[in-house]
N, C-alpha and C. Protein backbone atom coordinates (compact mmCIF):
# COMPACT_ATOMS: atom_id res chain seq x y z
N MET A 1 -1.63 -45.52 3.06
CA MET A 1 -1.66 -44.08 2.80
C MET A 1 -2.32 -43.37 3.97
N HIS A 2 -1.69 -42.34 4.43
CA HIS A 2 -2.26 -41.57 5.52
C HIS A 2 -3.41 -40.74 5.02
N ARG A 3 -4.32 -40.37 5.91
CA ARG A 3 -5.40 -39.49 5.52
C ARG A 3 -4.98 -38.04 5.75
N LEU A 4 -5.64 -37.16 5.05
CA LEU A 4 -5.37 -35.73 5.20
C LEU A 4 -6.40 -35.16 6.13
N LEU A 5 -5.96 -34.47 7.15
CA LEU A 5 -6.86 -33.84 8.11
C LEU A 5 -7.09 -32.41 7.71
N ARG A 6 -8.30 -32.07 7.40
CA ARG A 6 -8.67 -30.68 7.20
C ARG A 6 -8.85 -30.02 8.55
N GLY A 7 -8.45 -28.78 8.71
CA GLY A 7 -8.55 -28.10 9.98
C GLY A 7 -9.98 -27.91 10.41
N LYS A 8 -10.21 -27.81 11.71
CA LYS A 8 -11.52 -27.52 12.26
C LYS A 8 -11.51 -26.12 12.86
N LYS A 9 -12.63 -25.41 12.74
CA LYS A 9 -12.72 -24.09 13.33
C LYS A 9 -13.11 -24.22 14.80
N HIS A 10 -12.47 -23.45 15.63
CA HIS A 10 -12.76 -23.43 17.06
C HIS A 10 -13.22 -22.03 17.42
N LEU A 11 -14.42 -21.91 17.97
CA LEU A 11 -14.93 -20.61 18.38
C LEU A 11 -14.28 -20.22 19.69
N LEU A 12 -13.61 -19.07 19.70
CA LEU A 12 -12.87 -18.61 20.86
C LEU A 12 -13.35 -17.23 21.25
N LEU A 13 -12.97 -16.79 22.44
CA LEU A 13 -13.38 -15.47 22.89
C LEU A 13 -12.82 -14.38 21.99
N THR A 14 -11.64 -14.60 21.43
CA THR A 14 -10.99 -13.56 20.64
C THR A 14 -11.14 -13.76 19.14
N GLY A 15 -11.82 -14.83 18.70
CA GLY A 15 -12.01 -15.00 17.27
C GLY A 15 -12.01 -16.46 16.88
N TYR A 16 -11.72 -16.73 15.64
CA TYR A 16 -11.71 -18.08 15.11
C TYR A 16 -10.29 -18.56 14.87
N LEU A 17 -10.09 -19.84 15.12
CA LEU A 17 -8.79 -20.46 14.91
C LEU A 17 -8.97 -21.66 13.99
N LEU A 18 -8.13 -21.75 12.99
CA LEU A 18 -8.14 -22.90 12.11
C LEU A 18 -6.78 -23.56 12.19
N ILE A 19 -6.75 -24.84 12.50
CA ILE A 19 -5.49 -25.57 12.54
C ILE A 19 -5.55 -26.69 11.52
N GLY A 20 -4.39 -27.02 11.01
CA GLY A 20 -4.38 -28.08 10.01
C GLY A 20 -3.08 -28.84 10.02
N LEU A 21 -3.18 -30.13 9.73
CA LEU A 21 -2.00 -30.98 9.56
C LEU A 21 -2.34 -32.03 8.54
N GLY A 22 -1.60 -32.06 7.45
CA GLY A 22 -1.83 -33.09 6.44
C GLY A 22 -0.89 -34.25 6.70
N LEU A 23 -1.41 -35.39 7.08
CA LEU A 23 -0.58 -36.57 7.35
C LEU A 23 -0.58 -37.45 6.10
N GLY A 24 0.23 -37.10 5.13
CA GLY A 24 0.26 -37.89 3.92
C GLY A 24 0.21 -36.99 2.71
N TRP A 25 -0.61 -37.32 1.72
CA TRP A 25 -0.61 -36.55 0.50
C TRP A 25 -1.96 -36.66 -0.16
N LEU A 26 -2.21 -35.74 -1.10
CA LEU A 26 -3.44 -35.76 -1.85
C LEU A 26 -3.23 -36.51 -3.16
N GLY A 27 -4.19 -37.31 -3.55
CA GLY A 27 -4.09 -38.01 -4.81
C GLY A 27 -4.59 -37.16 -5.95
N ARG A 28 -3.85 -36.11 -6.27
CA ARG A 28 -4.24 -35.23 -7.37
C ARG A 28 -3.07 -35.08 -8.33
N PRO A 29 -3.35 -34.80 -9.60
CA PRO A 29 -2.26 -34.60 -10.55
C PRO A 29 -1.50 -33.33 -10.27
N ALA A 30 -0.24 -33.30 -10.68
CA ALA A 30 0.56 -32.09 -10.50
C ALA A 30 -0.02 -30.97 -11.33
N PRO A 31 -0.05 -29.73 -10.79
CA PRO A 31 -0.58 -28.61 -11.54
C PRO A 31 0.31 -28.27 -12.71
N ALA A 32 -0.28 -27.66 -13.71
CA ALA A 32 0.51 -27.23 -14.86
C ALA A 32 1.44 -26.12 -14.44
N HIS A 33 2.61 -26.07 -15.04
CA HIS A 33 3.58 -25.04 -14.68
C HIS A 33 3.21 -23.69 -15.24
N GLY A 34 2.46 -23.64 -16.33
CA GLY A 34 2.04 -22.35 -16.86
C GLY A 34 0.99 -21.74 -15.96
N GLN A 35 1.14 -20.46 -15.63
CA GLN A 35 0.21 -19.80 -14.74
C GLN A 35 -0.77 -18.95 -15.53
N THR A 36 -2.01 -18.91 -15.09
CA THR A 36 -2.99 -18.05 -15.72
C THR A 36 -2.86 -16.66 -15.16
N SER A 37 -3.65 -15.73 -15.68
CA SER A 37 -3.58 -14.35 -15.22
C SER A 37 -4.08 -14.19 -13.80
N THR A 38 -4.80 -15.20 -13.28
CA THR A 38 -5.35 -15.09 -11.95
C THR A 38 -4.60 -15.92 -10.92
N HIS A 39 -3.54 -16.62 -11.33
CA HIS A 39 -2.75 -17.42 -10.40
C HIS A 39 -1.28 -17.08 -10.56
N THR A 40 -0.63 -16.83 -9.43
CA THR A 40 0.78 -16.47 -9.45
C THR A 40 1.57 -17.48 -8.64
N LEU A 41 2.63 -18.00 -9.19
CA LEU A 41 3.52 -18.87 -8.44
C LEU A 41 4.49 -17.99 -7.66
N TYR A 42 4.42 -18.05 -6.34
CA TYR A 42 5.26 -17.20 -5.51
C TYR A 42 6.67 -17.78 -5.47
N LEU A 43 7.54 -17.23 -6.31
CA LEU A 43 8.88 -17.79 -6.47
C LEU A 43 9.72 -17.82 -5.19
N PRO A 44 9.56 -16.86 -4.25
CA PRO A 44 10.38 -16.97 -3.03
C PRO A 44 10.19 -18.29 -2.30
N LEU A 45 9.06 -18.97 -2.53
CA LEU A 45 8.82 -20.24 -1.87
C LEU A 45 9.66 -21.37 -2.46
N VAL A 46 10.11 -21.23 -3.68
CA VAL A 46 10.78 -22.35 -4.33
C VAL A 46 12.20 -22.01 -4.78
N MET A 47 12.63 -20.78 -4.63
CA MET A 47 13.99 -20.43 -5.00
C MET A 47 14.98 -20.98 -3.98
N ARG A 48 16.09 -21.47 -4.46
CA ARG A 48 17.11 -22.01 -3.56
C ARG A 48 17.89 -20.87 -2.90
N SER A 49 18.38 -21.15 -1.70
CA SER A 49 19.12 -20.14 -0.96
C SER A 49 20.50 -20.68 -0.61
N GLU A 50 21.48 -19.78 -0.60
CA GLU A 50 22.85 -20.17 -0.24
C GLU A 50 23.11 -20.02 1.26
N SER A 51 22.13 -19.54 2.00
CA SER A 51 22.31 -19.31 3.43
C SER A 51 22.58 -20.63 4.15
N THR A 52 23.54 -20.62 5.05
CA THR A 52 23.89 -21.83 5.80
C THR A 52 23.56 -21.70 7.29
N ALA A 53 22.92 -20.62 7.68
CA ALA A 53 22.57 -20.41 9.08
C ALA A 53 21.17 -19.82 9.18
N CYS A 54 20.48 -20.19 10.25
CA CYS A 54 19.15 -19.65 10.48
C CYS A 54 19.23 -18.20 10.92
N GLN A 55 18.20 -17.44 10.58
CA GLN A 55 18.06 -16.10 11.10
C GLN A 55 17.50 -16.17 12.53
N PRO A 56 17.74 -15.15 13.36
CA PRO A 56 17.16 -15.16 14.72
C PRO A 56 15.64 -15.32 14.66
N LEU A 57 15.11 -16.10 15.57
CA LEU A 57 13.67 -16.29 15.62
C LEU A 57 12.99 -15.03 16.12
N THR A 58 11.78 -14.78 15.63
CA THR A 58 10.97 -13.71 16.19
C THR A 58 10.44 -14.17 17.55
N PRO A 59 9.96 -13.27 18.38
CA PRO A 59 9.39 -13.70 19.67
C PRO A 59 8.26 -14.72 19.49
N GLN A 60 7.45 -14.55 18.46
CA GLN A 60 6.34 -15.47 18.23
C GLN A 60 6.85 -16.86 17.84
N GLU A 61 7.85 -16.89 16.99
CA GLU A 61 8.43 -18.18 16.59
C GLU A 61 9.13 -18.84 17.76
N GLN A 62 9.83 -18.05 18.56
CA GLN A 62 10.52 -18.59 19.73
C GLN A 62 9.54 -19.19 20.72
N ALA A 63 8.38 -18.56 20.87
CA ALA A 63 7.37 -19.06 21.80
C ALA A 63 6.92 -20.46 21.41
N VAL A 64 6.75 -20.71 20.13
CA VAL A 64 6.35 -22.03 19.66
C VAL A 64 7.48 -23.04 19.91
N LEU A 65 8.70 -22.66 19.57
CA LEU A 65 9.83 -23.55 19.80
C LEU A 65 9.98 -23.90 21.27
N ASP A 66 9.83 -22.91 22.14
CA ASP A 66 9.95 -23.16 23.58
C ASP A 66 8.92 -24.18 24.04
N LYS A 67 7.70 -24.07 23.53
CA LYS A 67 6.65 -25.02 23.92
C LYS A 67 6.97 -26.42 23.42
N MET A 68 7.50 -26.51 22.22
CA MET A 68 7.88 -27.82 21.69
C MET A 68 8.99 -28.45 22.52
N ARG A 69 10.02 -27.68 22.81
CA ARG A 69 11.18 -28.23 23.50
C ARG A 69 10.91 -28.54 24.97
N SER A 70 10.06 -27.77 25.61
CA SER A 70 9.85 -27.92 27.05
C SER A 70 8.77 -28.94 27.41
N ASP A 71 8.01 -29.39 26.44
CA ASP A 71 6.96 -30.35 26.75
C ASP A 71 7.58 -31.65 27.26
N PRO A 72 7.14 -32.14 28.41
CA PRO A 72 7.75 -33.35 28.99
C PRO A 72 7.55 -34.60 28.13
N ASN A 73 6.61 -34.55 27.19
CA ASN A 73 6.36 -35.71 26.34
C ASN A 73 7.09 -35.62 25.00
N GLN A 74 7.90 -34.58 24.81
CA GLN A 74 8.60 -34.42 23.55
C GLN A 74 9.48 -35.64 23.27
N GLY A 75 9.32 -36.22 22.08
CA GLY A 75 10.06 -37.43 21.74
C GLY A 75 11.33 -37.18 20.94
N ARG A 76 11.56 -35.96 20.49
CA ARG A 76 12.77 -35.67 19.73
C ARG A 76 13.96 -35.52 20.68
N GLN A 77 15.08 -36.05 20.26
CA GLN A 77 16.29 -35.96 21.07
C GLN A 77 17.11 -34.72 20.74
N ALA A 78 16.77 -34.04 19.66
CA ALA A 78 17.52 -32.85 19.25
C ALA A 78 16.61 -31.94 18.45
N PHE A 79 16.99 -30.66 18.41
CA PHE A 79 16.29 -29.65 17.60
C PHE A 79 17.34 -28.86 16.83
N ASN A 80 17.31 -28.97 15.52
CA ASN A 80 18.28 -28.29 14.69
C ASN A 80 17.57 -27.35 13.73
N CYS A 81 17.74 -26.06 13.94
CA CYS A 81 17.13 -25.10 13.03
C CYS A 81 17.80 -25.20 11.66
N ASP A 82 17.01 -25.43 10.64
CA ASP A 82 17.54 -25.52 9.28
C ASP A 82 17.14 -24.26 8.51
N PRO A 83 18.10 -23.57 7.88
CA PRO A 83 17.79 -22.30 7.21
C PRO A 83 16.81 -22.45 6.06
N ILE A 84 16.82 -23.59 5.36
CA ILE A 84 15.87 -23.78 4.27
C ILE A 84 14.46 -23.95 4.82
N LEU A 85 14.33 -24.79 5.84
CA LEU A 85 13.01 -25.01 6.44
C LEU A 85 12.49 -23.73 7.08
N GLN A 86 13.38 -22.96 7.70
CA GLN A 86 12.96 -21.70 8.29
C GLN A 86 12.43 -20.75 7.23
N ARG A 87 13.14 -20.67 6.12
CA ARG A 87 12.73 -19.76 5.06
C ARG A 87 11.38 -20.17 4.46
N VAL A 88 11.21 -21.46 4.22
CA VAL A 88 9.94 -21.93 3.65
C VAL A 88 8.79 -21.71 4.64
N ALA A 89 9.02 -22.00 5.93
CA ALA A 89 7.98 -21.79 6.93
C ALA A 89 7.55 -20.32 6.98
N ARG A 90 8.51 -19.42 6.94
CA ARG A 90 8.18 -17.99 6.97
C ARG A 90 7.46 -17.56 5.71
N GLU A 91 7.92 -18.05 4.56
CA GLU A 91 7.27 -17.70 3.30
C GLU A 91 5.85 -18.29 3.24
N ARG A 92 5.67 -19.47 3.82
CA ARG A 92 4.34 -20.08 3.87
C ARG A 92 3.39 -19.21 4.68
N ALA A 93 3.83 -18.75 5.85
CA ALA A 93 2.98 -17.90 6.67
C ALA A 93 2.64 -16.60 5.95
N GLN A 94 3.64 -15.97 5.34
CA GLN A 94 3.41 -14.74 4.59
C GLN A 94 2.46 -14.98 3.42
N ASP A 95 2.65 -16.06 2.70
CA ASP A 95 1.84 -16.34 1.52
C ASP A 95 0.38 -16.54 1.89
N MET A 96 0.11 -17.25 2.98
CA MET A 96 -1.28 -17.43 3.41
C MET A 96 -1.92 -16.09 3.73
N GLY A 97 -1.15 -15.22 4.39
CA GLY A 97 -1.68 -13.91 4.72
C GLY A 97 -1.89 -13.02 3.51
N LEU A 98 -0.96 -13.06 2.57
CA LEU A 98 -1.06 -12.21 1.39
C LEU A 98 -2.16 -12.66 0.44
N ARG A 99 -2.38 -13.98 0.38
CA ARG A 99 -3.35 -14.49 -0.58
C ARG A 99 -4.63 -15.00 0.07
N ASN A 100 -4.80 -14.74 1.37
CA ASN A 100 -6.06 -14.99 2.06
C ASN A 100 -6.51 -16.44 1.95
N TYR A 101 -5.66 -17.35 2.43
CA TYR A 101 -6.06 -18.75 2.51
C TYR A 101 -5.41 -19.37 3.73
N CYS A 102 -5.92 -20.50 4.17
CA CYS A 102 -5.33 -21.24 5.27
C CYS A 102 -5.37 -22.71 4.91
N SER A 103 -4.28 -23.19 4.34
CA SER A 103 -4.25 -24.55 3.82
C SER A 103 -2.81 -25.00 3.65
N HIS A 104 -2.60 -26.32 3.72
CA HIS A 104 -1.28 -26.87 3.44
C HIS A 104 -0.94 -26.78 1.95
N ILE A 105 -1.94 -26.63 1.12
CA ILE A 105 -1.73 -26.54 -0.32
C ILE A 105 -2.01 -25.12 -0.76
N ASN A 106 -1.04 -24.48 -1.40
CA ASN A 106 -1.22 -23.09 -1.80
C ASN A 106 -2.14 -23.00 -3.02
N PRO A 107 -2.56 -21.79 -3.39
CA PRO A 107 -3.50 -21.66 -4.51
C PRO A 107 -2.97 -22.20 -5.84
N ASP A 108 -1.67 -22.40 -5.94
CA ASP A 108 -1.09 -22.95 -7.16
C ASP A 108 -1.06 -24.47 -7.15
N GLY A 109 -1.49 -25.08 -6.03
CA GLY A 109 -1.56 -26.54 -5.97
C GLY A 109 -0.36 -27.22 -5.35
N TYR A 110 0.54 -26.46 -4.74
CA TYR A 110 1.76 -27.03 -4.17
C TYR A 110 1.70 -27.13 -2.65
N GLY A 111 2.17 -28.25 -2.11
CA GLY A 111 2.21 -28.47 -0.68
C GLY A 111 3.61 -28.41 -0.12
N PRO A 112 3.76 -28.62 1.19
CA PRO A 112 5.06 -28.44 1.86
C PRO A 112 6.18 -29.33 1.34
N ASN A 113 5.90 -30.61 1.07
CA ASN A 113 6.98 -31.48 0.58
C ASN A 113 7.60 -30.91 -0.69
N TYR A 114 6.75 -30.53 -1.62
CA TYR A 114 7.22 -29.98 -2.89
C TYR A 114 8.02 -28.71 -2.67
N LEU A 115 7.51 -27.83 -1.82
CA LEU A 115 8.13 -26.52 -1.63
C LEU A 115 9.51 -26.62 -0.98
N VAL A 116 9.66 -27.49 0.02
CA VAL A 116 10.98 -27.58 0.66
C VAL A 116 11.97 -28.28 -0.28
N ARG A 117 11.51 -29.22 -1.07
CA ARG A 117 12.40 -29.85 -2.05
C ARG A 117 12.87 -28.82 -3.08
N GLN A 118 11.94 -28.01 -3.58
CA GLN A 118 12.30 -27.00 -4.56
C GLN A 118 13.27 -25.97 -3.97
N ALA A 119 13.15 -25.74 -2.67
CA ALA A 119 14.03 -24.78 -2.00
C ALA A 119 15.41 -25.36 -1.72
N GLY A 120 15.60 -26.68 -1.94
CA GLY A 120 16.91 -27.28 -1.80
C GLY A 120 17.07 -28.23 -0.64
N TYR A 121 15.98 -28.53 0.10
CA TYR A 121 16.09 -29.46 1.22
C TYR A 121 15.77 -30.87 0.72
N PRO A 122 16.69 -31.83 0.90
CA PRO A 122 16.51 -33.18 0.35
C PRO A 122 15.70 -34.09 1.27
N LEU A 123 14.40 -34.05 1.16
CA LEU A 123 13.57 -34.99 1.91
C LEU A 123 13.84 -36.41 1.45
N PRO A 124 13.59 -37.40 2.30
CA PRO A 124 13.70 -38.79 1.83
C PRO A 124 12.82 -39.03 0.61
N THR A 125 13.29 -39.83 -0.30
CA THR A 125 12.55 -40.06 -1.54
C THR A 125 11.21 -40.75 -1.30
N TRP A 126 11.08 -41.46 -0.19
CA TRP A 126 9.82 -42.15 0.09
C TRP A 126 8.78 -41.26 0.76
N TYR A 127 9.15 -40.01 1.08
CA TYR A 127 8.14 -39.03 1.47
C TYR A 127 7.30 -38.71 0.22
N GLY A 128 6.05 -38.30 0.43
CA GLY A 128 5.15 -38.07 -0.68
C GLY A 128 5.74 -37.20 -1.78
N GLN A 129 5.58 -37.63 -3.02
CA GLN A 129 6.12 -36.92 -4.17
C GLN A 129 5.05 -36.12 -4.90
N GLU A 130 3.77 -36.32 -4.56
CA GLU A 130 2.71 -35.61 -5.24
C GLU A 130 2.81 -34.11 -4.97
N ALA A 131 2.24 -33.30 -5.85
CA ALA A 131 2.35 -31.84 -5.72
C ALA A 131 1.83 -31.34 -4.37
N GLY A 132 0.77 -31.94 -3.86
CA GLY A 132 0.18 -31.47 -2.61
C GLY A 132 0.61 -32.24 -1.38
N ALA A 133 1.63 -33.08 -1.48
CA ALA A 133 2.02 -33.96 -0.37
C ALA A 133 2.48 -33.18 0.85
N ASN A 134 2.14 -33.70 2.02
CA ASN A 134 2.58 -33.11 3.29
C ASN A 134 2.87 -34.20 4.30
N ASN A 135 4.14 -34.37 4.64
CA ASN A 135 4.56 -35.24 5.74
C ASN A 135 5.29 -34.45 6.81
N ILE A 136 5.22 -33.11 6.78
CA ILE A 136 6.18 -32.33 7.57
C ILE A 136 5.62 -31.08 8.25
N GLU A 137 4.39 -30.70 8.02
CA GLU A 137 3.94 -29.36 8.40
C GLU A 137 2.67 -29.35 9.25
N SER A 138 2.66 -28.48 10.27
CA SER A 138 1.45 -28.10 10.99
C SER A 138 1.25 -26.60 10.81
N ILE A 139 -0.01 -26.19 10.69
CA ILE A 139 -0.32 -24.77 10.55
C ILE A 139 -1.45 -24.37 11.48
N ALA A 140 -1.54 -23.07 11.75
CA ALA A 140 -2.67 -22.51 12.47
C ALA A 140 -2.90 -21.10 11.95
N CYS A 141 -4.18 -20.73 11.83
CA CYS A 141 -4.55 -19.40 11.38
C CYS A 141 -5.54 -18.84 12.39
N TYR A 142 -5.32 -17.61 12.83
CA TYR A 142 -6.10 -17.05 13.93
C TYR A 142 -6.65 -15.69 13.54
N ALA A 143 -7.84 -15.39 14.04
CA ALA A 143 -8.53 -14.16 13.64
C ALA A 143 -8.20 -12.95 14.50
N SER A 144 -7.17 -13.06 15.33
CA SER A 144 -6.76 -11.91 16.12
C SER A 144 -6.33 -10.77 15.21
N SER A 145 -6.76 -9.55 15.51
CA SER A 145 -6.47 -8.42 14.62
C SER A 145 -5.41 -7.49 15.20
N THR A 146 -4.82 -7.83 16.34
CA THR A 146 -3.82 -6.96 16.94
C THR A 146 -2.53 -7.73 17.16
N LEU A 147 -1.43 -7.00 17.24
CA LEU A 147 -0.14 -7.61 17.53
C LEU A 147 0.09 -7.77 19.03
N SER A 148 -0.61 -6.99 19.83
CA SER A 148 -0.32 -6.94 21.27
C SER A 148 -0.70 -8.22 22.00
N ASP A 149 -1.61 -9.01 21.45
CA ASP A 149 -2.09 -10.20 22.17
C ASP A 149 -1.47 -11.49 21.65
N TRP A 150 -0.33 -11.40 20.97
CA TRP A 150 0.23 -12.59 20.35
C TRP A 150 0.62 -13.66 21.37
N GLN A 151 0.99 -13.25 22.59
CA GLN A 151 1.38 -14.24 23.59
C GLN A 151 0.20 -15.13 23.98
N SER A 152 -0.96 -14.51 24.22
CA SER A 152 -2.14 -15.31 24.55
C SER A 152 -2.59 -16.14 23.36
N VAL A 153 -2.44 -15.59 22.15
CA VAL A 153 -2.80 -16.34 20.95
C VAL A 153 -1.90 -17.56 20.80
N SER A 154 -0.60 -17.41 21.06
CA SER A 154 0.32 -18.55 20.94
C SER A 154 -0.05 -19.65 21.92
N VAL A 155 -0.50 -19.28 23.11
CA VAL A 155 -0.93 -20.28 24.09
C VAL A 155 -2.17 -21.01 23.58
N THR A 156 -3.14 -20.25 23.05
CA THR A 156 -4.36 -20.85 22.54
C THR A 156 -4.07 -21.78 21.38
N ILE A 157 -3.21 -21.36 20.48
CA ILE A 157 -2.86 -22.19 19.33
C ILE A 157 -2.19 -23.48 19.79
N TRP A 158 -1.26 -23.37 20.73
CA TRP A 158 -0.59 -24.58 21.23
C TRP A 158 -1.60 -25.52 21.89
N GLN A 159 -2.51 -24.98 22.68
CA GLN A 159 -3.51 -25.81 23.34
C GLN A 159 -4.37 -26.55 22.32
N ASN A 160 -4.73 -25.86 21.25
CA ASN A 160 -5.54 -26.50 20.21
C ASN A 160 -4.74 -27.55 19.45
N TRP A 161 -3.47 -27.27 19.18
CA TRP A 161 -2.64 -28.29 18.56
C TRP A 161 -2.55 -29.54 19.45
N MET A 162 -2.38 -29.33 20.75
CA MET A 162 -2.24 -30.46 21.67
C MET A 162 -3.55 -31.20 21.85
N ALA A 163 -4.67 -30.55 21.58
CA ALA A 163 -5.97 -31.21 21.67
C ALA A 163 -6.30 -32.04 20.43
N SER A 164 -5.49 -31.89 19.40
CA SER A 164 -5.65 -32.66 18.16
C SER A 164 -4.60 -33.76 18.13
N GLU A 165 -5.03 -35.01 18.07
CA GLU A 165 -4.09 -36.13 18.14
C GLU A 165 -3.04 -36.06 17.04
N GLU A 166 -3.46 -35.72 15.82
CA GLU A 166 -2.51 -35.68 14.70
C GLU A 166 -1.45 -34.61 14.91
N HIS A 167 -1.87 -33.42 15.36
CA HIS A 167 -0.91 -32.35 15.60
C HIS A 167 0.01 -32.67 16.77
N ARG A 168 -0.57 -33.26 17.79
CA ARG A 168 0.22 -33.60 18.98
C ARG A 168 1.32 -34.60 18.62
N VAL A 169 0.97 -35.62 17.85
CA VAL A 169 1.96 -36.62 17.45
C VAL A 169 3.06 -35.97 16.61
N HIS A 170 2.69 -35.09 15.71
CA HIS A 170 3.68 -34.42 14.87
C HIS A 170 4.59 -33.52 15.68
N LEU A 171 4.01 -32.60 16.43
CA LEU A 171 4.81 -31.58 17.10
C LEU A 171 5.63 -32.13 18.26
N LEU A 172 5.16 -33.20 18.87
CA LEU A 172 5.90 -33.79 19.98
C LEU A 172 6.71 -35.03 19.57
N GLY A 173 6.69 -35.36 18.29
CA GLY A 173 7.48 -36.51 17.84
C GLY A 173 7.14 -37.78 18.58
N LEU A 174 5.86 -38.11 18.64
CA LEU A 174 5.43 -39.24 19.47
C LEU A 174 5.47 -40.59 18.76
N ASN A 175 5.94 -40.62 17.53
CA ASN A 175 6.24 -41.90 16.90
C ASN A 175 7.59 -41.78 16.21
N ASN A 176 8.11 -42.89 15.74
CA ASN A 176 9.45 -42.88 15.16
C ASN A 176 9.55 -41.99 13.93
N PHE A 177 8.49 -41.95 13.14
CA PHE A 177 8.50 -41.15 11.92
C PHE A 177 8.79 -39.70 12.24
N TYR A 178 8.07 -39.14 13.20
CA TYR A 178 8.25 -37.73 13.53
C TYR A 178 9.42 -37.49 14.48
N ALA A 179 9.73 -38.45 15.34
CA ALA A 179 10.86 -38.29 16.25
C ALA A 179 12.17 -38.13 15.48
N GLU A 180 12.23 -38.74 14.29
CA GLU A 180 13.43 -38.62 13.46
C GLU A 180 13.52 -37.28 12.74
N GLN A 181 12.46 -36.52 12.74
CA GLN A 181 12.47 -35.21 12.09
C GLN A 181 13.01 -34.16 13.07
N THR A 182 14.30 -34.09 13.17
CA THR A 182 14.92 -33.19 14.15
C THR A 182 15.32 -31.83 13.56
N ASP A 183 15.25 -31.67 12.25
CA ASP A 183 15.42 -30.35 11.64
C ASP A 183 14.08 -29.63 11.68
N TYR A 184 14.13 -28.33 11.86
CA TYR A 184 12.86 -27.59 11.94
C TYR A 184 12.99 -26.20 11.34
N GLY A 185 11.83 -25.64 11.03
CA GLY A 185 11.70 -24.24 10.67
C GLY A 185 10.34 -23.76 11.16
N ILE A 186 10.29 -22.57 11.71
CA ILE A 186 9.05 -22.02 12.25
C ILE A 186 8.81 -20.66 11.61
N GLY A 187 7.57 -20.42 11.19
CA GLY A 187 7.24 -19.15 10.58
C GLY A 187 6.01 -18.53 11.21
N TYR A 188 6.01 -17.19 11.26
CA TYR A 188 4.87 -16.43 11.81
C TYR A 188 4.67 -15.19 10.96
N ALA A 189 3.41 -14.85 10.71
CA ALA A 189 3.10 -13.61 10.01
C ALA A 189 1.81 -13.03 10.57
N ASN A 190 1.78 -11.72 10.71
CA ASN A 190 0.56 -11.01 11.11
C ASN A 190 0.21 -10.05 9.99
N LEU A 191 -0.84 -10.38 9.25
CA LEU A 191 -1.22 -9.60 8.07
C LEU A 191 -2.72 -9.32 8.12
N PRO A 192 -3.10 -8.27 8.82
CA PRO A 192 -4.53 -7.97 8.98
C PRO A 192 -5.15 -7.33 7.74
N GLY A 193 -5.28 -8.10 6.67
CA GLY A 193 -5.90 -7.58 5.46
C GLY A 193 -7.39 -7.32 5.65
N GLU A 194 -7.87 -6.26 5.08
CA GLU A 194 -9.29 -5.91 5.21
C GLU A 194 -10.15 -6.99 4.55
N GLY A 195 -11.09 -7.52 5.31
CA GLY A 195 -11.96 -8.56 4.80
C GLY A 195 -11.38 -9.96 4.87
N TRP A 196 -10.14 -10.10 5.33
CA TRP A 196 -9.53 -11.42 5.43
C TRP A 196 -10.17 -12.21 6.58
N ALA A 197 -10.25 -13.52 6.43
CA ALA A 197 -10.83 -14.37 7.48
C ALA A 197 -9.92 -14.46 8.69
N TYR A 198 -8.60 -14.37 8.47
CA TYR A 198 -7.63 -14.53 9.56
C TYR A 198 -6.65 -13.38 9.56
N ARG A 199 -5.93 -13.25 10.67
CA ARG A 199 -4.97 -12.15 10.81
C ARG A 199 -3.56 -12.65 11.09
N SER A 200 -3.42 -13.73 11.85
CA SER A 200 -2.09 -14.25 12.14
C SER A 200 -1.98 -15.69 11.67
N TYR A 201 -0.79 -16.01 11.20
CA TYR A 201 -0.54 -17.30 10.55
C TYR A 201 0.72 -17.92 11.15
N TRP A 202 0.62 -19.19 11.54
CA TRP A 202 1.69 -19.89 12.24
C TRP A 202 2.00 -21.18 11.51
N VAL A 203 3.28 -21.44 11.26
CA VAL A 203 3.69 -22.62 10.49
C VAL A 203 4.86 -23.30 11.21
N VAL A 204 4.75 -24.61 11.40
CA VAL A 204 5.85 -25.41 11.95
C VAL A 204 6.17 -26.51 10.95
N ILE A 205 7.42 -26.55 10.50
CA ILE A 205 7.89 -27.60 9.61
C ILE A 205 8.98 -28.38 10.33
N THR A 206 8.85 -29.69 10.37
CA THR A 206 9.91 -30.55 10.89
C THR A 206 10.25 -31.55 9.79
N ALA A 207 11.51 -31.91 9.68
CA ALA A 207 11.90 -32.81 8.59
C ALA A 207 13.22 -33.51 8.92
N ARG A 208 13.56 -34.45 8.09
CA ARG A 208 14.85 -35.13 8.15
C ARG A 208 15.39 -35.21 6.73
N ARG A 209 16.68 -35.15 6.62
CA ARG A 209 17.31 -35.31 5.30
C ARG A 209 17.42 -36.79 4.97
N GLY A 210 17.30 -37.09 3.70
CA GLY A 210 17.37 -38.49 3.32
C GLY A 210 17.64 -38.64 1.83
N PRO A 211 17.94 -39.85 1.44
CA PRO A 211 18.22 -40.12 0.02
C PRO A 211 16.94 -40.09 -0.80
């Protein structure tokens, strides 16, 4: 069983950055489907979509993809934008911003494996089945409060991902497990909520289809 890496905070000139990658799954029971008055299941994250093509990437999302593809150590032989993964990645970034958290597991107890499966993407059955399982996602949350500096923020986030062995292996496909994940979705959101710990949210999901 892989261990789960909790993100570390990095003190930067422009604010705080939290990055996270869960390599495996949490050994916790699945949450109850009934929601209390203080917890809402964000249905856009789990509703299936009939879309068969990706939407154009935002400049922020494109910047991340460019860094992934151009790295000389990239182990993936192909990059295929998947509309389901793209939608989930974008909804994940929005959800973290709207509900003021930075985690692979949302406040309802669901992680990336569960969410992409619910959205209609068939992960291999041997990928983690637990509610909080994550074999596919890297995230970063940054305290930048303006939209104008997103280019420098994207560079900082990439540098921090590359300084983390777990993130580097995932994003660059440096082992067979991740190299086979040639489908991807990238999400970005800038939601400067008053009192929020972070302002911009970045999500990269890579996956492969399987039985």
